């Protein structure tokens, strides 16, 4: 193991140059994601989740929301875990969030499926709602925790649009001066 506590094939922190020397193909796969995401198997759908998979048709992310307390219910359920209400229905969300955590998959378990970046995205509307999704249109080396992202959809069939996320521009903050007489 050449005096290192980690095997040479393990891409740890700061390992890009080491990887380039050891295996340029692996380094390229680890740090450069394909422009077109690899195909994934179709998700299992049910009557409870059908709206979720079809919502990308119009480019809008939807999840169940409680009509009584506004709690976002994900995974779909007929009851709100926040207040117990049965008044839950599909509702449009902003589609914006931040990367809470992520990993880059380089091991191919299904032919043609790697590399890809999988992120846990914390949605803007509710801090405890996180969606596991692929990140697209970004190099793995550029992904960071708290990176702003926006939803994009991959059409898998006429009935299935898989939500994924892409980097979003940071909105400039505009603040009003406390006293406009000093302008």
Protein backbone atom coordinates (compact mmCIF):
# COMPACT_ATOMS: atom_id res chain seq x y z
CA UNK A 1 0.00 0.00 0.00
CA UNK A 2 3.03 2.25 -0.58
CA UNK A 3 3.17 3.59 3.01
CA UNK A 4 -0.28 5.17 2.75
CA UNK A 5 -3.09 4.09 5.05
CA UNK A 6 -5.46 4.06 2.07
CA UNK A 7 -5.23 1.76 -0.94
CA UNK A 8 -4.05 3.68 -4.04
CA UNK A 9 -7.36 3.16 -5.86
CA UNK A 10 -9.41 4.91 -3.15
CA UNK A 11 -10.29 8.48 -4.27
CA UNK A 12 -10.03 10.36 -0.99
CA UNK A 13 -9.85 14.07 -0.33
CA UNK A 14 -7.25 15.81 -2.46
CA UNK A 15 -6.58 12.66 -4.46
CA UNK A 16 -7.10 14.06 -7.96
CA UNK A 17 -3.40 14.27 -8.86
CA UNK A 18 -2.71 10.85 -7.31
CA UNK A 19 -5.55 9.36 -9.31
CA UNK A 20 -4.36 10.96 -12.54
CA UNK A 21 -0.97 9.29 -12.09
CA UNK A 22 -2.39 5.91 -11.06
CA UNK A 23 -5.33 5.57 -13.42
CA UNK A 24 -6.23 8.45 -15.78
CA UNK A 25 -9.45 6.67 -16.84
CA UNK A 26 -10.68 6.35 -13.26
CA UNK A 27 -9.74 9.95 -12.51
CA UNK A 28 -11.67 11.18 -15.55
CA UNK A 29 -14.68 9.10 -14.54
CA UNK A 30 -14.52 10.34 -10.94
CA UNK A 31 -14.16 14.02 -11.67
CA UNK A 32 -15.86 14.47 -15.05
CA UNK A 33 -19.50 13.44 -15.27
CA UNK A 34 -21.04 12.69 -18.65
CA UNK A 35 -23.04 15.50 -20.26
CA UNK A 36 -25.97 13.13 -20.76
CA UNK A 37 -26.92 11.27 -17.59
CA UNK A 38 -26.70 7.50 -17.88
CA UNK A 39 -29.99 5.64 -18.26
CA UNK A 40 -31.57 4.37 -15.08
CA UNK A 41 -34.24 1.69 -14.79
CA UNK A 42 -37.80 3.01 -14.63
CA UNK A 43 -38.97 3.68 -11.06
CA UNK A 44 -41.70 1.59 -9.50
CA UNK A 45 -44.93 3.57 -9.61
CA UNK A 46 -48.10 3.30 -7.56
CA UNK A 47 -51.37 5.20 -7.44
CA UNK A 48 -49.90 7.25 -4.56
CA UNK A 49 -46.76 8.25 -6.48
CA UNK A 50 -48.08 8.54 -10.06
CA UNK A 51 -48.44 12.35 -9.81
CA UNK A 52 -44.79 12.65 -8.65
CA UNK A 53 -43.36 10.81 -11.66
CA UNK A 54 -45.65 12.60 -14.14
CA UNK A 55 -45.21 16.11 -12.68
CA UNK A 56 -42.08 16.80 -14.71
CA UNK A 57 -44.15 16.84 -17.88
CA UNK A 58 -44.76 20.55 -17.31
CA UNK A 59 -41.43 21.16 -15.55
CA UNK A 60 -42.92 21.56 -12.08
CA UNK A 61 -41.83 19.54 -9.05
CA UNK A 62 -44.80 18.35 -7.03
CA UNK A 63 -45.10 16.68 -3.64
CA UNK A 64 -47.98 16.05 -1.28
CA UNK A 65 -48.82 19.01 0.98
CA UNK A 66 -51.18 19.12 3.93
CA UNK A 67 -54.05 21.56 3.44
CA UNK A 68 -54.38 22.04 7.21
CA UNK A 69 -50.78 22.72 8.33
CA UNK A 70 -48.90 23.13 4.97
CA UNK A 71 -46.45 20.35 5.89
CA UNK A 72 -44.84 18.71 2.83
CA UNK A 73 -45.44 14.98 2.91
CA UNK A 74 -42.75 12.94 1.18
CA UNK A 75 -42.89 9.94 0.55
CA UNK A 76 -46.52 10.22 -0.60
CA UNK A 77 -48.96 9.23 2.13
CA UNK A 78 -52.71 9.67 2.61
CA UNK A 79 -52.06 11.31 6.01
CA UNK A 80 -49.96 14.23 7.19
CA UNK A 81 -47.25 13.16 9.64
CA UNK A 82 -47.20 16.72 11.02
CA UNK A 83 -50.81 16.99 12.17
CA UNK A 84 -52.48 13.70 11.24
CA UNK A 85 -54.85 15.31 8.75
CA UNK A 86 -56.19 13.36 5.78
CA UNK A 87 -56.36 16.59 3.73
CA UNK A 88 -53.21 16.03 1.68
CA UNK A 89 -52.92 16.61 -2.06
CA UNK A 90 -50.27 17.11 -4.71
CA UNK A 91 -48.93 20.67 -4.69
CA UNK A 92 -46.43 22.54 -6.86
CA UNK A 93 -43.09 23.43 -5.27
CA UNK A 94 -40.43 25.94 -6.33
CA UNK A 95 -38.00 23.24 -7.45
CA UNK A 96 -35.16 25.05 -5.68
CA UNK A 97 -32.95 23.70 -2.95
CA UNK A 98 -29.39 23.15 -1.77
CA UNK A 99 -27.08 20.16 -1.79
CA UNK A 100 -27.23 18.66 1.70
CA UNK A 101 -24.88 15.77 0.87
CA UNK A 102 -23.62 13.99 -2.24
CA UNK A 103 -21.57 11.13 -3.60
CA UNK A 104 -20.07 10.28 -6.98
CA UNK A 105 -20.75 6.75 -8.16
CA UNK A 106 -17.94 5.34 -10.28
CA UNK A 107 -18.52 1.62 -9.72
CA UNK A 108 -20.63 0.08 -12.48
CA UNK A 109 -23.15 -2.35 -11.03
CA UNK A 110 -25.51 -2.02 -14.00
CA UNK A 111 -23.76 -1.73 -17.41
CA UNK A 112 -23.61 1.86 -18.62
CA UNK A 113 -24.80 3.33 -15.32
CA UNK A 114 -21.65 5.04 -14.01
CA UNK A 115 -20.31 7.61 -13.39
CA UNK A 116 -22.98 9.84 -11.93
CA UNK A 117 -23.39 12.20 -9.01
CA UNK A 118 -26.17 11.46 -6.53
CA UNK A 119 -27.21 14.22 -4.14
CA UNK A 120 -29.47 14.60 -1.17
CA UNK A 121 -31.18 17.91 -1.95
CA UNK A 122 -32.78 19.92 0.84
CA UNK A 123 -35.81 21.65 -0.61
CA UNK A 124 -36.28 25.38 -0.13
CA UNK A 125 -39.84 25.05 1.18
CA UNK A 126 -39.11 22.85 4.18
CA UNK A 127 -35.73 22.01 5.76
CA UNK A 128 -36.65 18.45 6.71
CA UNK A 129 -37.70 17.49 3.19
CA UNK A 130 -34.80 16.07 1.25
CA UNK A 131 -34.95 14.42 -2.13
CA UNK A 132 -32.35 11.94 -3.39
CA UNK A 133 -31.65 12.83 -7.02
CA UNK A 134 -28.94 12.94 -9.66
CA UNK A 135 -26.97 16.13 -10.27
CA UNK A 136 -26.52 16.99 -13.94
CA UNK A 137 -24.70 19.68 -15.94
CA UNK A 138 -21.92 19.97 -13.36
CA UNK A 139 -18.43 18.50 -12.93
CA UNK A 140 -18.12 16.37 -9.81
CA UNK A 141 -15.19 18.50 -8.63
CA UNK A 142 -17.49 21.57 -8.65
CA UNK A 143 -20.20 20.07 -6.42
CA UNK A 144 -20.23 21.45 -2.88
CA UNK A 145 -22.37 21.15 0.21
CA UNK A 146 -24.94 24.00 0.31
CA UNK A 147 -24.61 24.54 -3.46
CA UNK A 148 -27.86 26.08 -4.78
CA UNK A 149 -29.64 23.80 -7.24
CA UNK A 150 -32.81 23.84 -9.34
CA UNK A 151 -34.90 20.95 -10.57
CA UNK A 152 -34.64 19.62 -14.11
CA UNK A 153 -36.39 16.55 -15.45
CA UNK A 154 -35.29 13.58 -17.52
CA UNK A 155 -38.04 12.04 -19.63
CA UNK A 156 -37.88 8.27 -19.17
CA UNK A 157 -41.23 7.50 -20.83
CA UNK A 158 -44.51 9.30 -21.57
CA UNK A 159 -45.56 8.65 -17.95
CA UNK A 160 -42.24 9.05 -16.11
CA UNK A 161 -40.22 12.23 -15.74
CA UNK A 162 -37.40 11.76 -13.22
CA UNK A 163 -36.45 14.86 -11.19
CA UNK A 164 -32.76 15.66 -11.10
CA UNK A 165 -31.00 18.87 -10.16
CA UNK A 166 -28.65 21.27 -11.86
CA UNK A 167 -26.61 24.17 -10.40
CA UNK A 168 -28.73 27.29 -9.91
CA UNK A 169 -27.44 30.83 -10.00
CA UNK A 170 -27.35 32.47 -6.62
CA UNK A 171 -30.03 35.14 -6.45
CA UNK A 172 -28.60 38.53 -5.54
CA UNK A 173 -29.97 39.85 -2.28
CA UNK A 174 -31.59 43.22 -2.50
CA UNK A 175 -32.06 45.07 0.76
CA UNK A 176 -33.89 48.29 1.30
CA UNK A 177 -31.99 50.98 3.18
CA UNK A 178 -33.41 51.68 6.63
CA UNK A 179 -33.50 55.41 6.02
CA UNK A 180 -33.90 56.57 2.42
CA UNK A 181 -33.27 60.23 3.35
CA UNK A 182 -29.52 59.48 3.57
CA UNK A 183 -29.31 58.46 -0.12
